[in-house]
PDB file of N, CA and C in Angstrom:
ATOM      1  N   GLY A   1      -8.925   9.797  -0.409  1.00  0.00           N
ATOM      2  CA  GLY A   1      -7.199   9.140  -0.555  1.00  0.00           C
ATOM      3  C   GLY A   1      -7.394   7.696   0.488  1.00  0.00           C
ATOM      4  N   THR A   2      -5.564   6.833   0.344  1.00  0.00           N
ATOM      5  CA  THR A   2      -6.155   6.061   1.309  1.00  0.00           C
ATOM      6  C   THR A   2      -4.775   6.344   1.920  1.00  0.00           C
ATOM      7  N   ILE A   3      -4.678   5.589   3.119  1.00  0.00           N
ATOM      8  CA  ILE A   3      -3.589   5.601   3.817  1.00  0.00           C
ATOM      9  C   ILE A   3      -2.679   5.894   3.687  1.00  0.00           C
ATOM     10  N   THR A   4      -2.896   4.431   2.526  1.00  0.00           N
ATOM     11  CA  THR A   4      -0.811   4.228   1.886  1.00  0.00           C
ATOM     12  C   THR A   4      -0.452   5.548   1.404  1.00  0.00           C
ATOM     13  N   HIS A   5      -1.161   5.894   0.634  1.00  0.00           N
ATOM     14  CA  HIS A   5      -1.461   6.941  -0.127  1.00  0.00           C
ATOM     15  C   HIS A   5      -0.628   8.471   0.678  1.00  0.00           C
ATOM     16  N   ALA A   6      -1.201   8.430   1.761  1.00  0.00           N
ATOM     17  CA  ALA A   6      -0.841   9.611   2.651  1.00  0.00           C
ATOM     18  C   ALA A   6       0.722   9.380   3.219  1.00  0.00           C
ATOM     19  N   TRP A   7       0.756   8.041   3.476  1.00  0.00           N
ATOM     20  CA  TRP A   7       1.778   7.656   3.842  1.00  0.00           C
ATOM     21  C   TRP A   7       2.892   8.117   3.417  1.00  0.00           C
ATOM     22  N   SER A   8       2.634   7.684   1.737  1.00  0.00           N
ATOM     23  CA  SER A   8       3.852   7.475   0.588  1.00  0.00           C
ATOM     24  C   SER A   8       4.346   9.089   0.307  1.00  0.00           C
ATOM     25  N   LEU A   9       3.485   9.873   0.496  1.00  0.00           N
ATOM     26  CA  LEU A   9       3.728  11.542   0.256  1.00  0.00           C
ATOM     27  C   LEU A   9       4.093  11.840   1.203  1.00  0.00           C
ATOM     28  N   LEU A  10       3.541  11.789   2.663  1.00  0.00           N
ATOM     29  CA  LEU A  10       4.603  12.014   3.861  1.00  0.00           C
ATOM     30  C   LEU A  10       6.035  11.991   4.289  1.00  0.00           C
ATOM     31  N   THR A  11       6.198  10.079   4.022  1.00  0.00           N
ATOM     32  CA  THR A  11       7.161  10.260   4.136  1.00  0.00           C
ATOM     33  C   THR A  11       8.524   9.840   2.852  1.00  0.00           C
ATOM     34  N   GLY A  12       7.790  10.198   1.593  1.00  0.00           N
ATOM     35  CA  GLY A  12       8.874  10.161   0.732  1.00  0.00           C
ATOM     36  C   GLY A  12       8.915   8.597   0.209  1.00  0.00           C
ATOM     37  N   CYS A  13       8.415   7.430   0.804  1.00  0.00           N
ATOM     38  CA  CYS A  13       8.825   6.186   0.572  1.00  0.00           C
ATOM     39  C   CYS A  13       7.842   5.907  -0.425  1.00  0.00           C
ATOM     40  N   ARG A  14       7.932   4.906  -1.494  1.00  0.00           N
ATOM     41  CA  ARG A  14       7.084   4.132  -2.373  1.00  0.00           C
ATOM     42  C   ARG A  14       6.739   2.851  -2.017  1.00  0.00           C
ATOM     43  N   GLU A  15       7.710   2.314  -0.985  1.00  0.00           N
ATOM     44  CA  GLU A  15       7.387   0.881  -0.543  1.00  0.00           C
ATOM     45  C   GLU A  15       6.307   1.550   0.586  1.00  0.00           C
ATOM     46  N   VAL A  16       5.201   1.243   0.341  1.00  0.00           N
ATOM     47  CA  VAL A  16       4.574   1.370   1.434  1.00  0.00           C
ATOM     48  C   VAL A  16       3.180   0.302   1.062  1.00  0.00           C
ATOM     49  N   TYR A  17       2.848  -0.073   2.286  1.00  0.00           N
ATOM     50  CA  TYR A  17       1.867  -0.864   2.645  1.00  0.00           C
ATOM     51  C   TYR A  17       0.424  -1.562   2.940  1.00  0.00           C
ATOM     52  N   THR A  18      -0.322  -2.226   2.157  1.00  0.00           N
ATOM     53  CA  THR A  18      -1.787  -2.024   3.304  1.00  0.00           C
ATOM     54  C   THR A  18      -1.546  -3.277   2.946  1.00  0.00           C
ATOM     55  N   ILE A  19      -2.206  -4.137   4.531  1.00  0.00           N
ATOM     56  CA  ILE A  19      -2.721  -5.308   3.910  1.00  0.00           C
ATOM     57  C   ILE A  19      -4.254  -5.534   4.804  1.00  0.00           C
ATOM     58  N   LYS A  20      -4.451  -6.645   4.078  1.00  0.00           N
ATOM     59  CA  LYS A  20      -6.227  -6.674   4.097  1.00  0.00           C
ATOM     60  C   LYS A  20      -6.451  -7.927   4.249  1.00  0.00           C
ATOM     61  N   ARG A  21      -7.276  -8.412   4.824  1.00  0.00           N
ATOM     62  CA  ARG A  21      -7.479  -9.863   5.344  1.00  0.00           C
ATOM     63  C   ARG A  21      -8.775  -9.809   4.549  1.00  0.00           C
ATOM     64  N   SER A  22      -8.471 -11.298   3.685  1.00  0.00           N
ATOM     65  CA  SER A  22      -9.333 -12.272   2.607  1.00  0.00           C
ATOM     66  C   SER A  22      -9.775 -13.312   3.019  1.00  0.00           C
ATOM     67  N   LYS A  23     -10.942 -14.205   2.512  1.00  0.00           N
ATOM     68  CA  LYS A  23     -11.350 -15.477   2.949  1.00  0.00           C
ATOM     69  C   LYS A  23      -9.982 -16.507   3.167  1.00  0.00           C
ATOM     70  N   HIS A  24      -8.616 -16.547   2.354  1.00  0.00           N
ATOM     71  CA  HIS A  24      -7.501 -17.106   2.004  1.00  0.00           C
ATOM     72  C   HIS A  24      -6.496 -16.553   3.075  1.00  0.00           C
ATOM     73  N   GLY A  25      -6.766 -15.746   3.937  1.00  0.00           N
ATOM     74  CA  GLY A  25      -5.531 -14.873   4.717  1.00  0.00           C
ATOM     75  C   GLY A  25      -5.225 -13.471   4.608  1.00  0.00           C
ATOM     76  N   TYR A  26      -4.418 -13.300   5.220  1.00  0.00           N
ATOM     77  CA  TYR A  26      -3.598 -12.114   4.779  1.00  0.00           C
ATOM     78  C   TYR A  26      -2.937 -11.235   3.763  1.00  0.00           C
ATOM     79  N   VAL A  27      -2.991 -10.739   2.822  1.00  0.00           N
ATOM     80  CA  VAL A  27      -2.590 -10.223   1.172  1.00  0.00           C
ATOM     81  C   VAL A  27      -1.648  -8.778   1.347  1.00  0.00           C
ATOM     82  N   ALA A  28      -0.952  -8.572   0.832  1.00  0.00           N
ATOM     83  CA  ALA A  28       0.042  -7.281   0.779  1.00  0.00           C
ATOM     84  C   ALA A  28      -0.569  -6.518  -0.645  1.00  0.00           C
ATOM     85  N   PHE A  29      -0.584  -5.506  -0.259  1.00  0.00           N
ATOM     86  CA  PHE A  29      -0.898  -4.351  -1.313  1.00  0.00           C
ATOM     87  C   PHE A  29       0.037  -3.291  -1.450  1.00  0.00           C
ATOM     88  N   GLY A  30      -0.291  -2.197  -2.892  1.00  0.00           N
ATOM     89  CA  GLY A  30       0.821  -1.065  -2.697  1.00  0.00           C
ATOM     90  C   GLY A  30       0.499  -0.352  -3.871  1.00  0.00           C
ATOM     91  N   SER A  31       1.854   0.581  -4.368  1.00  0.00           N
ATOM     92  CA  SER A  31       1.663   0.976  -5.507  1.00  0.00           C
ATOM     93  C   SER A  31       2.414   0.726  -6.455  1.00  0.00           C
ATOM     94  N   PHE A  32       2.794  -0.448  -6.263  1.00  0.00           N
ATOM     95  CA  PHE A  32       3.833  -1.396  -7.360  1.00  0.00           C
ATOM     96  C   PHE A  32       2.776  -1.872  -8.162  1.00  0.00           C
ATOM     97  N   ASN A  33       3.488  -1.626  -9.765  1.00  0.00           N
ATOM     98  CA  ASN A  33       1.997  -2.030 -10.853  1.00  0.00           C
ATOM     99  C   ASN A  33       3.104  -3.469 -11.199  1.00  0.00           C
ATOM    100  N   PRO A  34       2.423  -4.482 -11.032  1.00  0.00           N
ATOM    101  CA  PRO A  34       2.899  -5.630 -12.016  1.00  0.00           C
ATOM    102  C   PRO A  34       3.017  -6.012 -12.996  1.00  0.00           C
ATOM    103  N   ASN A  35       2.059  -4.977 -13.473  1.00  0.00           N
ATOM    104  CA  ASN A  35       2.145  -4.974 -15.226  1.00  0.00           C
ATOM    105  C   ASN A  35       2.790  -4.179 -15.733  1.00  0.00           C
ATOM    106  N   THR A  36       3.588  -3.409 -15.502  1.00  0.00           N
ATOM    107  CA  THR A  36       4.350  -2.429 -16.388  1.00  0.00           C
ATOM    108  C   THR A  36       5.680  -2.550 -15.331  1.00  0.00           C
ATOM    109  N   LYS A  37       5.237  -3.041 -14.711  1.00  0.00           N
ATOM    110  CA  LYS A  37       6.679  -3.355 -13.432  1.00  0.00           C
ATOM    111  C   LYS A  37       7.702  -2.139 -12.724  1.00  0.00           C
ATOM    112  N   ASP A  38       6.568  -0.884 -12.791  1.00  0.00           N
ATOM    113  CA  ASP A  38       7.187   0.775 -12.138  1.00  0.00           C
ATOM    114  C   ASP A  38       6.303   0.587 -10.891  1.00  0.00           C
ATOM    115  N   TRP A  39       6.261   1.847 -10.429  1.00  0.00           N
ATOM    116  CA  TRP A  39       5.623   2.213  -9.723  1.00  0.00           C
ATOM    117  C   TRP A  39       4.572   3.010  -9.737  1.00  0.00           C
ATOM    118  N   GLU A  40       3.447   3.531  -9.554  1.00  0.00           N
ATOM    119  CA  GLU A  40       2.732   4.467  -9.898  1.00  0.00           C
ATOM    120  C   GLU A  40       3.146   5.517  -9.769  1.00  0.00           C
ATOM    121  N   LYS A  41       2.209   6.553 -10.767  1.00  0.00           N
ATOM    122  CA  LYS A  41       3.046   8.240 -10.404  1.00  0.00           C
ATOM    123  C   LYS A  41       1.449   8.757  -9.261  1.00  0.00           C
ATOM    124  N   ILE A  42       2.135   9.425  -7.900  1.00  0.00           N
ATOM    125  CA  ILE A  42       0.937   9.359  -7.301  1.00  0.00           C
ATOM    126  C   ILE A  42       1.128  11.189  -6.917  1.00  0.00           C
ATOM    127  N   THR A  43      -0.260  12.029  -6.923  1.00  0.00           N
ATOM    128  CA  THR A  43       0.579  13.297  -6.591  1.00  0.00           C
ATOM    129  C   THR A  43      -0.513  13.703  -5.509  1.00  0.00           C
ATOM    130  N   ASN A  44      -0.752  15.030  -4.504  1.00  0.00           N
ATOM    131  CA  ASN A  44      -1.161  15.297  -3.212  1.00  0.00           C
ATOM    132  C   ASN A  44      -2.555  15.855  -3.708  1.00  0.00           C
ATOM    133  N   ALA A  45      -3.212  15.303  -4.731  1.00  0.00           N
ATOM    134  CA  ALA A  45      -4.745  15.876  -5.575  1.00  0.00           C
ATOM    135  C   ALA A  45      -5.862  14.845  -5.604  1.00  0.00           C
ATOM    136  N   PRO A  46      -6.487  14.631  -4.277  1.00  0.00           N
ATOM    137  CA  PRO A  46      -6.923  12.996  -4.257  1.00  0.00           C
ATOM    138  C   PRO A  46      -8.438  13.290  -5.441  1.00  0.00           C
ATOM    139  N   HIS A  47      -8.954  14.676  -5.607  1.00  0.00           N
ATOM    140  CA  HIS A  47     -10.048  14.631  -6.078  1.00  0.00           C
ATOM    141  C   HIS A  47      -9.366  14.574  -7.792  1.00  0.00           C
ATOM    142  N   THR A  48      -8.598  14.154  -8.445  1.00  0.00           N
ATOM    143  CA  THR A  48      -8.168  14.195  -9.545  1.00  0.00           C
ATOM    144  C   THR A  48      -7.844  12.429  -9.638  1.00  0.00           C
ATOM    145  N   GLN A  49      -8.034  11.902  -8.738  1.00  0.00           N
ATOM    146  CA  GLN A  49      -7.580   9.947  -8.848  1.00  0.00           C
ATOM    147  C   GLN A  49      -8.420   9.415 -10.863  1.00  0.00           C
ATOM    148  N   GLY A  50      -7.038   9.050 -10.984  1.00  0.00           N
ATOM    149  CA  GLY A  50      -7.588   8.508 -12.203  1.00  0.00           C
ATOM    150  C   GLY A  50      -7.054   9.316 -13.801  1.00  0.00           C
ATOM    151  N   ARG A  51      -7.122  10.944 -13.038  1.00  0.00           N
ATOM    152  CA  ARG A  51      -7.164  11.635 -14.793  1.00  0.00           C
ATOM    153  C   ARG A  51      -5.991  12.352 -14.422  1.00  0.00           C
ATOM    154  N   LEU A  52      -5.959  13.114 -15.840  1.00  0.00           N
ATOM    155  CA  LEU A  52      -4.905  13.719 -15.389  1.00  0.00           C
ATOM    156  C   LEU A  52      -4.552  14.700 -15.136  1.00  0.00           C
ATOM    157  N   HIS A  53      -3.589  15.326 -13.986  1.00  0.00           N
ATOM    158  CA  HIS A  53      -3.877  16.341 -13.105  1.00  0.00           C
ATOM    159  C   HIS A  53      -2.595  17.140 -13.619  1.00  0.00           C
ATOM    160  N   GLU A  54      -2.657  18.455 -13.883  1.00  0.00           N
ATOM    161  CA  GLU A  54      -1.191  19.160 -14.118  1.00  0.00           C
ATOM    162  C   GLU A  54      -0.750  20.379 -13.111  1.00  0.00           C
ATOM    163  N   SER A  55       0.225  20.525 -12.692  1.00  0.00           N
ATOM    164  CA  SER A  55       0.508  21.313 -11.597  1.00  0.00           C
ATOM    165  C   SER A  55       2.443  21.840 -12.472  1.00  0.00           C
ATOM    166  N   LYS A  56       2.842  23.106 -11.703  1.00  0.00           N
ATOM    167  CA  LYS A  56       4.095  23.592 -12.640  1.00  0.00           C
ATOM    168  C   LYS A  56       5.201  22.112 -12.398  1.00  0.00           C
ATOM    169  N   ASP A  57       4.869  21.476 -11.242  1.00  0.00           N
ATOM    170  CA  ASP A  57       6.741  20.880 -11.142  1.00  0.00           C
ATOM    171  C   ASP A  57       6.128  19.595 -12.198  1.00  0.00           C
ATOM    172  N   ALA A  58       5.135  19.161 -12.367  1.00  0.00           N
ATOM    173  CA  ALA A  58       4.521  18.319 -13.047  1.00  0.00           C
ATOM    174  C   ALA A  58       3.606  18.217 -14.117  1.00  0.00           C
ATOM    175  N   PRO A  59       3.835  18.332 -14.897  1.00  0.00           N
ATOM    176  CA  PRO A  59       2.628  19.031 -16.333  1.00  0.00           C
ATOM    177  C   PRO A  59       1.607  17.557 -16.735  1.00  0.00           C
ATOM    178  N   ARG A  60       0.780  17.755 -16.264  1.00  0.00           N
ATOM    179  CA  ARG A  60       0.130  16.845 -17.444  1.00  0.00           C
ATOM    180  C   ARG A  60       0.379  14.873 -16.624  1.00  0.00           C
ATOM    181  N   THR A  61       0.866  14.748 -15.137  1.00  0.00           N
ATOM    182  CA  THR A  61       0.666  12.806 -15.226  1.00  0.00           C
ATOM    183  C   THR A  61      -0.772  12.897 -14.297  1.00  0.00           C
ATOM    184  N   GLN A  62      -0.477  11.662 -14.784  1.00  0.00           N
ATOM    185  CA  GLN A  62      -1.854  10.596 -14.562  1.00  0.00           C
ATOM    186  C   GLN A  62      -1.470   9.991 -13.184  1.00  0.00           C
ATOM    187  N   CYS A  63      -2.660  10.413 -12.395  1.00  0.00           N
ATOM    188  CA  CYS A  63      -2.433  10.687 -10.632  1.00  0.00           C
ATOM    189  C   CYS A  63      -3.026   8.932 -10.599  1.00  0.00           C
ATOM    190  N   PHE A  64      -2.360   8.456  -9.395  1.00  0.00           N
ATOM    191  CA  PHE A  64      -3.659   6.747  -9.370  1.00  0.00           C
ATOM    192  C   PHE A  64      -3.285   6.665  -7.146  1.00  0.00           C
ATOM    193  N   GLN A  65      -4.349   6.500  -7.161  1.00  0.00           N
ATOM    194  CA  GLN A  65      -4.470   5.809  -5.357  1.00  0.00           C
ATOM    195  C   GLN A  65      -5.241   5.033  -5.395  1.00  0.00           C
ATOM    196  N   GLY A  66      -5.418   4.083  -6.247  1.00  0.00           N
ATOM    197  CA  GLY A  66      -5.949   2.215  -6.058  1.00  0.00           C
ATOM    198  C   GLY A  66      -4.233   1.764  -5.426  1.00  0.00           C
ATOM    199  N   LEU A  67      -4.579   0.624  -4.829  1.00  0.00           N
ATOM    200  CA  LEU A  67      -3.959  -0.262  -4.718  1.00  0.00           C
ATOM    201  C   LEU A  67      -3.334  -1.806  -6.085  1.00  0.00           C
ATOM    202  N   TRP A  68      -2.480  -1.881  -5.991  1.00  0.00           N
ATOM    203  CA  TRP A  68      -2.047  -3.459  -6.865  1.00  0.00           C
ATOM    204  C   TRP A  68      -1.634  -4.459  -5.368  1.00  0.00           C
ATOM    205  N   PRO A  69      -2.036  -6.374  -5.721  1.00  0.00           N
ATOM    206  CA  PRO A  69      -1.176  -6.384  -5.388  1.00  0.00           C
ATOM    207  C   PRO A  69       0.214  -6.893  -5.476  1.00  0.00           C
ATOM    208  N   MET A  70       0.926  -6.624  -3.677  1.00  0.00           N
ATOM    209  CA  MET A  70       2.316  -6.646  -3.948  1.00  0.00           C
ATOM    210  C   MET A  70       2.644  -7.943  -3.528  1.00  0.00           C
ATOM    211  N   SER A  71       4.117  -7.902  -4.042  1.00  0.00           N
ATOM    212  CA  SER A  71       5.368  -9.023  -2.993  1.00  0.00           C
ATOM    213  C   SER A  71       5.713  -9.067  -1.619  1.00  0.00           C
ATOM    214  N   TRP A  72       5.315  -9.125  -0.505  1.00  0.00           N
ATOM    215  CA  TRP A  72       5.548  -9.758   1.032  1.00  0.00           C
ATOM    216  C   TRP A  72       7.090  -8.419   0.566  1.00  0.00           C
ATOM    217  N   PRO A  73       7.628  -7.391   1.538  1.00  0.00           N
ATOM    218  CA  PRO A  73       8.524  -6.628   1.952  1.00  0.00           C
ATOM    219  C   PRO A  73       9.840  -8.328   2.075  1.00  0.00           C
ATOM    220  N   LYS A  74      11.172  -7.953   1.833  1.00  0.00           N
ATOM    221  CA  LYS A  74      11.813  -8.436   2.036  1.00  0.00           C
ATOM    222  C   LYS A  74      12.180  -8.949   3.189  1.00  0.00           C
ATOM    223  N   VAL A  75      12.028  -7.934   4.317  1.00  0.00           N
ATOM    224  CA  VAL A  75      12.371  -8.158   5.985  1.00  0.00           C
ATOM    225  C   VAL A  75      11.588  -8.880   6.097  1.00  0.00           C
ATOM    226  N   GLY A  76      11.624  -9.607   7.021  1.00  0.00           N
ATOM    227  CA  GLY A  76      10.192 -10.389   7.228  1.00  0.00           C
ATOM    228  C   GLY A  76      10.118 -11.656   6.320  1.00  0.00           C
ATOM    229  N   GLY A  77      10.929 -11.678   5.512  1.00  0.00           N
ATOM    230  CA  GLY A  77      10.885 -13.133   4.712  1.00  0.00           C
ATOM    231  C   GLY A  77      10.385 -13.297   3.637  1.00  0.00           C
ATOM    232  N   GLY A  78      10.022 -11.834   3.141  1.00  0.00           N
ATOM    233  CA  GLY A  78       9.514 -12.285   1.905  1.00  0.00           C
ATOM    234  C   GLY A  78       8.189 -12.803   1.888  1.00  0.00           C
ATOM    235  N   GLY A  79       8.057 -12.369   0.425  1.00  0.00           N
ATOM    236  CA  GLY A  79       6.499 -13.869  -0.380  1.00  0.00           C
ATOM    237  C   GLY A  79       6.049 -13.539  -1.883  1.00  0.00           C
ATOM    238  N   SER A  80       5.485 -14.415  -2.306  1.00  0.00           N
ATOM    239  CA  SER A  80       5.172 -13.868  -3.446  1.00  0.00           C
ATOM    240  C   SER A  80       4.343 -13.087  -3.835  1.00  0.00           C
ATOM    241  N   LEU A  81       4.069 -12.077  -5.270  1.00  0.00           N
ATOM    242  CA  LEU A  81       2.790 -11.196  -5.286  1.00  0.00           C
ATOM    243  C   LEU A  81       1.211 -11.620  -4.817  1.00  0.00           C
ATOM    244  N   GLY A  82       0.024 -11.220  -4.046  1.00  0.00           N
ATOM    245  CA  GLY A  82      -0.364 -11.344  -3.857  1.00  0.00           C
ATOM    246  C   GLY A  82      -0.744 -13.058  -2.936  1.00  0.00           C
ATOM    247  N   GLN A  83       0.439 -13.024  -2.233  1.00  0.00           N
ATOM    248  CA  GLN A  83       0.588 -14.447  -1.980  1.00  0.00           C
ATOM    249  C   GLN A  83      -0.444 -14.219  -0.014  1.00  0.00           C
ATOM    250  N   PRO A  84      -1.629 -15.342   0.151  1.00  0.00           N
ATOM    251  CA  PRO A  84      -1.629 -15.194   0.890  1.00  0.00           C
ATOM    252  C   PRO A  84      -1.123 -15.408   2.562  1.00  0.00           C
ATOM    253  N   ILE A  85      -1.068 -14.574   3.898  1.00  0.00           N
ATOM    254  CA  ILE A  85      -0.569 -15.652   4.789  1.00  0.00           C
ATOM    255  C   ILE A  85      -1.390 -15.258   6.072  1.00  0.00           C
ATOM    256  N   ASP A  86      -1.275 -16.135   6.865  1.00  0.00           N
ATOM    257  CA  ASP A  86      -2.237 -16.548   8.108  1.00  0.00           C
ATOM    258  C   ASP A  86      -1.343 -15.093   9.207  1.00  0.00           C
ATOM    259  N   GLN A  87      -2.217 -15.513  10.220  1.00  0.00           N
ATOM    260  CA  GLN A  87      -2.533 -14.486  11.317  1.00  0.00           C
ATOM    261  C   GLN A  87      -1.229 -14.933  11.781  1.00  0.00           C
ATOM    262  N   ASP A  88      -0.599 -15.750  12.086  1.00  0.00           N
ATOM    263  CA  ASP A  88       0.912 -16.315  12.977  1.00  0.00           C
ATOM    264  C   ASP A  88       2.431 -15.625  12.067  1.00  0.00           C
ATOM    265  N   GLU A  89       1.912 -15.955  10.620  1.00  0.00           N
ATOM    266  CA  GLU A  89       2.613 -15.470   9.655  1.00  0.00           C
ATOM    267  C   GLU A  89       3.181 -14.437   9.806  1.00  0.00           C
ATOM    268  N   LEU A  90       1.340 -12.963   9.466  1.00  0.00           N
ATOM    269  CA  LEU A  90       1.924 -11.908   9.706  1.00  0.00           C
ATOM    270  C   LEU A  90       2.338 -11.630  11.076  1.00  0.00           C
ATOM    271  N   PHE A  91       2.098 -12.231  11.956  1.00  0.00           N
ATOM    272  CA  PHE A  91       2.874 -11.512  13.130  1.00  0.00           C
ATOM    273  C   PHE A  91       3.893 -11.570  13.209  1.00  0.00           C
ATOM    274  N   GLN A  92       4.749 -12.776  12.665  1.00  0.00           N
ATOM    275  CA  GLN A  92       6.011 -12.836  12.855  1.00  0.00           C
ATOM    276  C   GLN A  92       7.006 -11.692  12.170  1.00  0.00           C
ATOM    277  N   LYS A  93       5.926 -11.456  10.815  1.00  0.00           N
ATOM    278  CA  LYS A  93       6.609 -10.464   9.504  1.00  0.00           C
ATOM    279  C   LYS A  93       6.213  -9.332  10.773  1.00  0.00           C
ATOM    280  N   MET A  94       5.637  -9.207  11.327  1.00  0.00           N
ATOM    281  CA  MET A  94       5.123  -7.760  12.106  1.00  0.00           C
ATOM    282  C   MET A  94       6.700  -7.386  13.149  1.00  0.00           C
ATOM    283  N   CYS A  95       7.084  -8.770  13.226  1.00  0.00           N
ATOM    284  CA  CYS A  95       7.793  -8.427  14.700  1.00  0.00           C
ATOM    285  C   CYS A  95       8.867  -7.927  13.477  1.00  0.00           C
ATOM    286  N   ALA A  96       9.744  -8.978  12.478  1.00  0.00           N
ATOM    287  CA  ALA A  96      10.928  -8.596  12.120  1.00  0.00           C
ATOM    288  C   ALA A  96      10.540  -6.799  11.471  1.00  0.00           C
ATOM    289  N   TRP A  97       9.783  -6.565  10.741  1.00  0.00           N
ATOM    290  CA  TRP A  97       9.542  -5.100  10.636  1.00  0.00           C
ATOM    291  C   TRP A  97       9.388  -4.061  11.697  1.00  0.00           C
ATOM    292  N   GLU A  98       8.783  -4.564  12.907  1.00  0.00           N
ATOM    293  CA  GLU A  98       9.384  -3.663  14.009  1.00  0.00           C
ATOM    294  C   GLU A  98      10.885  -3.445  14.117  1.00  0.00           C
ATOM    295  N   ASP A  99      11.908  -4.877  14.487  1.00  0.00           N
ATOM    296  CA  ASP A  99      13.240  -5.040  14.753  1.00  0.00           C
ATOM    297  C   ASP A  99      13.433  -4.067  13.609  1.00  0.00           C
ATOM    298  N   ALA A 100      13.202  -3.967  12.570  1.00  0.00           N
ATOM    299  CA  ALA A 100      14.335  -3.426  11.124  1.00  0.00           C
ATOM    300  C   ALA A 100      13.080  -1.404  11.405  1.00  0.00           C
ATOM    301  N   ASN A 101      12.755  -1.368  12.243  1.00  0.00           N
ATOM    302  CA  ASN A 101      12.512  -0.180  12.705  1.00  0.00           C
ATOM    303  C   ASN A 101      11.694   0.612  11.483  1.00  0.00           C
ATOM    304  N   TYR A 102      10.451  -0.031  10.811  1.00  0.00           N
ATOM    305  CA  TYR A 102       9.574  -0.252   9.857  1.00  0.00           C
ATOM    306  C   TYR A 102       8.433   1.275  10.754  1.00  0.00           C
ATOM    307  N   LEU A 103       7.771   1.781   9.955  1.00  0.00           N
ATOM    308  CA  LEU A 103       6.243   2.875  10.462  1.00  0.00           C
ATOM    309  C   LEU A 103       5.656   1.494  10.363  1.00  0.00           C
ATOM    310  N   MET A 104       4.598   1.524  11.450  1.00  0.00           N
ATOM    311  CA  MET A 104       3.409   1.047  11.046  1.00  0.00           C
ATOM    312  C   MET A 104       2.578   1.754  11.547  1.00  0.00           C
ATOM    313  N   ALA A 105       1.067   1.362  11.350  1.00  0.00           N
ATOM    314  CA  ALA A 105      -0.410   1.678  11.956  1.00  0.00           C
ATOM    315  C   ALA A 105      -1.223   1.201  11.461  1.00  0.00           C
ATOM    316  N   ALA A 106      -1.977   0.840  12.388  1.00  0.00           N
ATOM    317  CA  ALA A 106      -3.365   0.003  12.092  1.00  0.00           C
ATOM    318  C   ALA A 106      -4.626   0.534  12.276  1.00  0.00           C
ATOM    319  N   LEU A 107      -5.640  -0.017  10.785  1.00  0.00           N
ATOM    320  CA  LEU A 107      -6.855   0.393  11.225  1.00  0.00           C
ATOM    321  C   LEU A 107      -7.736  -0.561  10.776  1.00  0.00           C
ATOM    322  N   GLY A 108      -8.943  -0.201  12.422  1.00  0.00           N
ATOM    323  CA  GLY A 108      -9.799  -1.547  12.216  1.00  0.00           C
ATOM    324  C   GLY A 108     -11.130  -0.890  12.168  1.00  0.00           C
ATOM    325  N   VAL A 109     -11.821  -2.161  11.434  1.00  0.00           N
ATOM    326  CA  VAL A 109     -13.524  -1.590  10.978  1.00  0.00           C
ATOM    327  C   VAL A 109     -13.918  -2.677  10.753  1.00  0.00           C
ATOM    328  N   LYS A 110     -15.290  -2.408  12.126  1.00  0.00           N
ATOM    329  CA  LYS A 110     -16.434  -3.050  12.471  1.00  0.00           C
ATOM    330  C   LYS A 110     -17.063  -3.868  11.021  1.00  0.00           C
ATOM    331  N   ASP A 111     -17.196  -5.069  11.858  1.00  0.00           N
ATOM    332  CA  ASP A 111     -18.126  -5.470  10.060  1.00  0.00           C
ATOM    333  C   ASP A 111     -19.337  -4.993   9.593  1.00  0.00           C
ATOM    334  N   GLY A 112     -19.305  -5.127   8.665  1.00  0.00           N
ATOM    335  CA  GLY A 112     -20.744  -4.015   8.135  1.00  0.00           C
ATOM    336  C   GLY A 112     -19.946  -2.879   7.867  1.00  0.00           C
ATOM    337  N   GLU A 113     -19.115  -2.227   8.435  1.00  0.00           N
ATOM    338  CA  GLU A 113     -18.481  -1.069   8.167  1.00  0.00           C
ATOM    339  C   GLU A 113     -17.640  -0.493   7.046  1.00  0.00           C
ATOM    340  N   ARG A 114     -17.855   0.651   6.601  1.00  0.00           N
ATOM    341  CA  ARG A 114     -16.767   0.754   5.804  1.00  0.00           C
ATOM    342  C   ARG A 114     -15.900   2.191   6.161  1.00  0.00           C
ATOM    343  N   ALA A 115     -14.223   1.540   5.359  1.00  0.00           N
ATOM    344  CA  ALA A 115     -13.288   2.669   6.420  1.00  0.00           C
ATOM    345  C   ALA A 115     -14.208   4.506   5.459  1.00  0.00           C
ATOM    346  N   LYS A 116     -13.831   5.474   6.380  1.00  0.00           N
ATOM    347  CA  LYS A 116     -13.978   6.485   5.581  1.00  0.00           C
ATOM    348  C   LYS A 116     -12.491   7.071   5.809  1.00  0.00           C
ATOM    349  N   GLY A 117     -11.979   7.568   4.694  1.00  0.00           N
ATOM    350  CA  GLY A 117     -11.086   8.531   4.039  1.00  0.00           C
ATOM    351  C   GLY A 117      -9.901   7.857   4.761  1.00  0.00           C
TER     352      GLY A 117
END
């Protein structure tokens, strides 16, 4: 699974973001599907990613653990779907999120290594 997936399950909050660095800057990702204009359904079943999952509480639901490009949160100034921002803009947003008591975590990966888990 992804860290964003885990945060959503732990907090019950859908608005959880992964921020990735690209060659054009930093971009926000999450589980809001811009095509359907709806949040993806997630479950605590990482082994069923992309397949139908059946449980007594939610029979035959489609599991999602991917990431869609997202608009930036309104707190911190917002921003368009998939809009890259530079390092200074990201820091300013993070300061606003800290002031608004957002939960934040960071994961760093060395060049050439893949994140595990």
